[in-house]
C-alpha atoms as a PDB file:
ATOM      1  CA  UNK A   1      80.325  79.882 103.802  1.00  0.00           C
ATOM      2  CA  UNK A   2      76.805  81.054 104.747  1.00  0.00           C
ATOM      3  CA  UNK A   3      76.028  83.728 107.279  1.00  0.00           C
ATOM      4  CA  UNK A   4      75.074  82.659 110.780  1.00  0.00           C
ATOM      5  CA  UNK A   5      71.719  83.940 111.959  1.00  0.00           C
ATOM      6  CA  UNK A   6      71.736  85.922 115.223  1.00  0.00           C
ATOM      7  CA  UNK A   7      68.325  84.473 116.093  1.00  0.00           C
ATOM      8  CA  UNK A   8      67.930  81.416 118.297  1.00  0.00           C
ATOM      9  CA  UNK A   9      66.647  78.347 116.504  1.00  0.00           C
ATOM     10  CA  UNK A  10      63.138  77.240 117.436  1.00  0.00           C
ATOM     11  CA  UNK A  11      62.934  73.673 118.654  1.00  0.00           C
ATOM     12  CA  UNK A  12      59.636  71.892 118.132  1.00  0.00           C
ATOM     13  CA  UNK A  13      58.659  69.774 121.103  1.00  0.00           C
ATOM     14  CA  UNK A  14      55.354  68.627 122.500  1.00  0.00           C
ATOM     15  CA  UNK A  15      54.093  70.376 125.574  1.00  0.00           C
ATOM     16  CA  UNK A  16      51.918  73.229 126.684  1.00  0.00           C
ATOM     17  CA  UNK A  17      50.698  75.764 124.154  1.00  0.00           C
ATOM     18  CA  UNK A  18      53.077  78.635 123.418  1.00  0.00           C
ATOM     19  CA  UNK A  19      53.054  81.650 125.707  1.00  0.00           C
ATOM     20  CA  UNK A  20      51.687  84.804 124.104  1.00  0.00           C
ATOM     21  CA  UNK A  21      53.325  88.222 124.053  1.00  0.00           C
ATOM     22  CA  UNK A  22      51.828  91.549 123.020  1.00  0.00           C
ATOM     23  CA  UNK A  23      54.701  93.609 121.620  1.00  0.00           C
ATOM     24  CA  UNK A  24      54.165  97.387 121.746  1.00  0.00           C
ATOM     25  CA  UNK A  25      56.916  99.256 119.885  1.00  0.00           C
ATOM     26  CA  UNK A  26      56.701 102.355 117.711  1.00  0.00           C
ATOM     27  CA  UNK A  27      59.945 101.784 115.780  1.00  0.00           C
ATOM     28  CA  UNK A  28      59.272  99.388 112.899  1.00  0.00           C
ATOM     29  CA  UNK A  29      62.802  97.976 112.710  1.00  0.00           C
ATOM     30  CA  UNK A  30      62.898  97.195 116.430  1.00  0.00           C
ATOM     31  CA  UNK A  31      59.374  95.744 116.309  1.00  0.00           C
ATOM     32  CA  UNK A  32      60.329  93.495 113.385  1.00  0.00           C
ATOM     33  CA  UNK A  33      63.540  92.320 115.090  1.00  0.00           C
ATOM     34  CA  UNK A  34      61.774  91.504 118.366  1.00  0.00           C
ATOM     35  CA  UNK A  35      58.818  89.848 116.622  1.00  0.00           C
ATOM     36  CA  UNK A  36      61.089  87.557 114.634  1.00  0.00           C
ATOM     37  CA  UNK A  37      63.216  86.613 117.651  1.00  0.00           C
ATOM     38  CA  UNK A  38      60.174  85.799 119.777  1.00  0.00           C
ATOM     39  CA  UNK A  39      58.454  83.771 117.061  1.00  0.00           C
ATOM     40  CA  UNK A  40      61.618  81.777 116.357  1.00  0.00           C
ATOM     41  CA  UNK A  41      61.817  80.994 120.072  1.00  0.00           C
ATOM     42  CA  UNK A  42      58.290  79.567 119.970  1.00  0.00           C
ATOM     43  CA  UNK A  43      56.267  82.452 121.370  1.00  0.00           C
ATOM     44  CA  UNK A  44      52.978  83.566 119.856  1.00  0.00           C
ATOM     45  CA  UNK A  45      53.163  87.322 119.237  1.00  0.00           C
ATOM     46  CA  UNK A  46      50.622  90.062 118.672  1.00  0.00           C
ATOM     47  CA  UNK A  47      51.996  93.462 117.805  1.00  0.00           C
ATOM     48  CA  UNK A  48      50.982  97.071 118.202  1.00  0.00           C
ATOM     49  CA  UNK A  49      52.704 100.257 117.025  1.00  0.00           C
ATOM     50  CA  UNK A  50      51.520 102.395 119.942  1.00  0.00           C
ATOM     51  CA  UNK A  51      49.493 102.147 123.177  1.00  0.00           C
ATOM     52  CA  UNK A  52      46.157 103.013 121.550  1.00  0.00           C
ATOM     53  CA  UNK A  53      46.576 100.071 119.171  1.00  0.00           C
ATOM     54  CA  UNK A  54      47.631  97.861 122.106  1.00  0.00           C
ATOM     55  CA  UNK A  55      44.324  98.612 123.862  1.00  0.00           C
ATOM     56  CA  UNK A  56      42.490  97.629 120.658  1.00  0.00           C
ATOM     57  CA  UNK A  57      44.438  94.370 120.319  1.00  0.00           C
ATOM     58  CA  UNK A  58      43.751  93.484 123.943  1.00  0.00           C
ATOM     59  CA  UNK A  59      40.034  94.046 123.434  1.00  0.00           C
ATOM     60  CA  UNK A  60      40.177  91.201 120.893  1.00  0.00           C
ATOM     61  CA  UNK A  61      42.668  88.819 122.541  1.00  0.00           C
ATOM     62  CA  UNK A  62      43.023  89.752 126.233  1.00  0.00           C
ATOM     63  CA  UNK A  63      42.490  86.246 127.538  1.00  0.00           C
ATOM     64  CA  UNK A  64      45.296  84.961 125.340  1.00  0.00           C
ATOM     65  CA  UNK A  65      48.066  87.418 126.297  1.00  0.00           C
ATOM     66  CA  UNK A  66      50.541  86.419 129.015  1.00  0.00           C
ATOM     67  CA  UNK A  67      53.021  89.303 128.754  1.00  0.00           C
ATOM     68  CA  UNK A  68      53.128  92.877 127.487  1.00  0.00           C
ATOM     69  CA  UNK A  69      56.582  93.713 126.104  1.00  0.00           C
ATOM     70  CA  UNK A  70      56.591  97.460 125.593  1.00  0.00           C
ATOM     71  CA  UNK A  71      58.850 100.330 124.752  1.00  0.00           C
ATOM     72  CA  UNK A  72      58.744 103.038 127.393  1.00  0.00           C
ATOM     73  CA  UNK A  73      59.007 106.187 125.269  1.00  0.00           C
ATOM     74  CA  UNK A  74      56.312 106.347 122.586  1.00  0.00           C
ATOM     75  CA  UNK A  75      54.174 109.081 121.034  1.00  0.00           C
ATOM     76  CA  UNK A  76      50.883 109.814 122.756  1.00  0.00           C
ATOM     77  CA  UNK A  77      51.367 107.731 125.912  1.00  0.00           C
ATOM     78  CA  UNK A  78      54.350 106.188 127.650  1.00  0.00           C
ATOM     79  CA  UNK A  79      54.617 102.434 127.919  1.00  0.00           C
ATOM     80  CA  UNK A  80      54.680 102.832 131.699  1.00  0.00           C
ATOM     81  CA  UNK A  81      51.369 104.741 131.799  1.00  0.00           C
ATOM     82  CA  UNK A  82      49.841 102.237 129.374  1.00  0.00           C
ATOM     83  CA  UNK A  83      50.964  99.389 131.648  1.00  0.00           C
ATOM     84  CA  UNK A  84      49.488 101.057 134.728  1.00  0.00           C
ATOM     85  CA  UNK A  85      46.131 101.380 132.960  1.00  0.00           C
ATOM     86  CA  UNK A  86      46.239  97.826 131.633  1.00  0.00           C
ATOM     87  CA  UNK A  87      47.259  96.350 134.987  1.00  0.00           C
ATOM     88  CA  UNK A  88      44.140  97.727 136.642  1.00  0.00           C
ATOM     89  CA  UNK A  89      41.943  96.221 133.932  1.00  0.00           C
ATOM     90  CA  UNK A  90      43.865  92.947 133.380  1.00  0.00           C
ATOM     91  CA  UNK A  91      45.457  92.064 136.743  1.00  0.00           C
ATOM     92  CA  UNK A  92      47.036  88.800 135.532  1.00  0.00           C
ATOM     93  CA  UNK A  93      49.146  90.439 132.820  1.00  0.00           C
ATOM     94  CA  UNK A  94      52.887  90.612 133.249  1.00  0.00           C
ATOM     95  CA  UNK A  95      55.065  93.398 131.879  1.00  0.00           C
ATOM     96  CA  UNK A  96      58.557  93.764 130.486  1.00  0.00           C
ATOM     97  CA  UNK A  97      59.699  97.269 129.542  1.00  0.00           C
ATOM     98  CA  UNK A  98      62.310  98.224 126.922  1.00  0.00           C
ATOM     99  CA  UNK A  99      64.206 101.470 126.508  1.00  0.00           C
ATOM    100  CA  UNK A 100      67.349 102.748 124.863  1.00  0.00           C
ATOM    101  CA  UNK A 101      67.418 105.832 127.078  1.00  0.00           C
ATOM    102  CA  UNK A 102      69.731 105.300 130.067  1.00  0.00           C
ATOM    103  CA  UNK A 103      67.970 108.003 132.127  1.00  0.00           C
ATOM    104  CA  UNK A 104      64.582 106.369 131.554  1.00  0.00           C
ATOM    105  CA  UNK A 105      65.996 102.978 132.533  1.00  0.00           C
ATOM    106  CA  UNK A 106      67.482 104.392 135.728  1.00  0.00           C
ATOM    107  CA  UNK A 107      64.268 106.196 136.701  1.00  0.00           C
ATOM    108  CA  UNK A 108      61.976 103.267 135.960  1.00  0.00           C
ATOM    109  CA  UNK A 109      64.161 100.756 137.743  1.00  0.00           C
ATOM    110  CA  UNK A 110      63.522 102.847 140.862  1.00  0.00           C
ATOM    111  CA  UNK A 111      59.769 103.280 140.280  1.00  0.00           C
ATOM    112  CA  UNK A 112      57.360 100.559 141.326  1.00  0.00           C
ATOM    113  CA  UNK A 113      53.976 101.732 140.052  1.00  0.00           C
ATOM    114  CA  UNK A 114      53.537  98.659 137.868  1.00  0.00           C
ATOM    115  CA  UNK A 115      55.634  95.607 138.471  1.00  0.00           C
ATOM    116  CA  UNK A 116      57.796  94.778 135.512  1.00  0.00           C
ATOM    117  CA  UNK A 117      61.382  94.286 134.535  1.00  0.00           C
ATOM    118  CA  UNK A 118      63.450  96.571 132.342  1.00  0.00           C
ATOM    119  CA  UNK A 119      65.356  95.520 129.215  1.00  0.00           C
ATOM    120  CA  UNK A 120      67.958  97.988 127.940  1.00  0.00           C
ATOM    121  CA  UNK A 121      68.248  98.528 124.182  1.00  0.00           C
ATOM    122  CA  UNK A 122      70.153  97.416 122.239  1.00  0.00           C
ATOM    123  CA  UNK A 123      69.876  93.753 123.161  1.00  0.00           C
ATOM    124  CA  UNK A 124      70.604  90.422 121.489  1.00  0.00           C
ATOM    125  CA  UNK A 125      67.919  87.887 120.611  1.00  0.00           C
ATOM    126  CA  UNK A 126      69.369  85.581 123.263  1.00  0.00           C
ATOM    127  CA  UNK A 127      69.069  88.218 126.005  1.00  0.00           C
ATOM    128  CA  UNK A 128      65.563  89.131 124.820  1.00  0.00           C
ATOM    129  CA  UNK A 129      64.359  85.521 125.026  1.00  0.00           C
ATOM    130  CA  UNK A 130      66.041  85.042 128.402  1.00  0.00           C
ATOM    131  CA  UNK A 131      64.326  88.121 129.844  1.00  0.00           C
ATOM    132  CA  UNK A 132      60.916  87.245 128.356  1.00  0.00           C
ATOM    133  CA  UNK A 133      61.139  83.740 129.810  1.00  0.00           C
ATOM    134  CA  UNK A 134      62.163  85.166 133.176  1.00  0.00           C
ATOM    135  CA  UNK A 135      59.243  87.618 133.092  1.00  0.00           C
ATOM    136  CA  UNK A 136      56.923  84.692 132.419  1.00  0.00           C
ATOM    137  CA  UNK A 137      58.687  82.322 134.814  1.00  0.00           C
ATOM    138  CA  UNK A 138      59.084  79.928 131.892  1.00  0.00           C
ATOM    139  CA  UNK A 139      61.616  77.146 132.115  1.00  0.00           C
ATOM    140  CA  UNK A 140      63.449  76.463 128.901  1.00  0.00           C
ATOM    141  CA  UNK A 141      66.613  76.570 126.926  1.00  0.00           C
END
């Protein structure tokens, strides 16, 4: 008997173009997991390994990005600081933060500098997709 994939199955249906997410995550395994889950759910995904690269990606595709999904703790600049800087430049962007550090999650859930929800690592593909859709106010299964 074959193994069951933990990723949701993408369903092709006509409708509006896919929503676009910029994924900013310094850990390659987490980035790969999240990228695959989002793509299988029908999202278009750009990826960056760190905030500096995220700024570069946005220079090229800013008008296409609906949501920044970012780790909080990264080398060089926190995801929260990056989001604050991006929000002032791109006011229509939405943010969803990820962290595996319970203290960071607790602190950021109480801070309101940049609006955005918090997703605690580890998470399942189903929870990830649910939270991304909620952050985008996207109806869907």
